[in-house]
């Protein structure tokens, strides 16, 4: 494996993220940095566990005295009305009852300490919940998630692919910087 991905660095723009981790199963890659939701991308026969075919681990903190930074994304509930039933739904969606039901369905992790952890059966989901709920963890959003959509899902995304394919760092960063909305 050259460049850490299936087919070398330039394959980043031609290999889907779903397929990019599969060389691990063929001992052609040792590690694939991806979000916890990637666990659902492994073939059904894959043993995802500490002693199995694949598993996950948390990167060590840069400074253990400052705790661990947990990188992730988030879902937000926004109300467009102050009606009592809308507020009741918001309260429910912030409750331990709701996150227990949602986590019980799989593919979801939460920092909500009202979660009944007994419903969390997936080992990577357990690792994620524990990381999010650890007292020394600080949650941070992925940088591209914090960018305006025109940048994070637009010029930054296409710019990184251009950079992978040989465009100069200066031209790529100039185009990304120029795409920021004036109000951002």
Foldseek 3Di string as FASTA:
>chain_A
DACQWVPHLLCVVVDDPLCGPVVLLVVPHVDDDDDLLSVVSDPPPFDEDPPTSHYDDFDDAPDPVQFAEDEDDDDDDDDPDPDPVSVVVVVVCLALVNVQVVQLVPSDEDLRPSHPCVSNDDPSNNVRNCQSPPPSYDYDYDPLVPAPCCQSVNLVVVLVSVVSVPDDPVVSVVSSVVRGDPVD
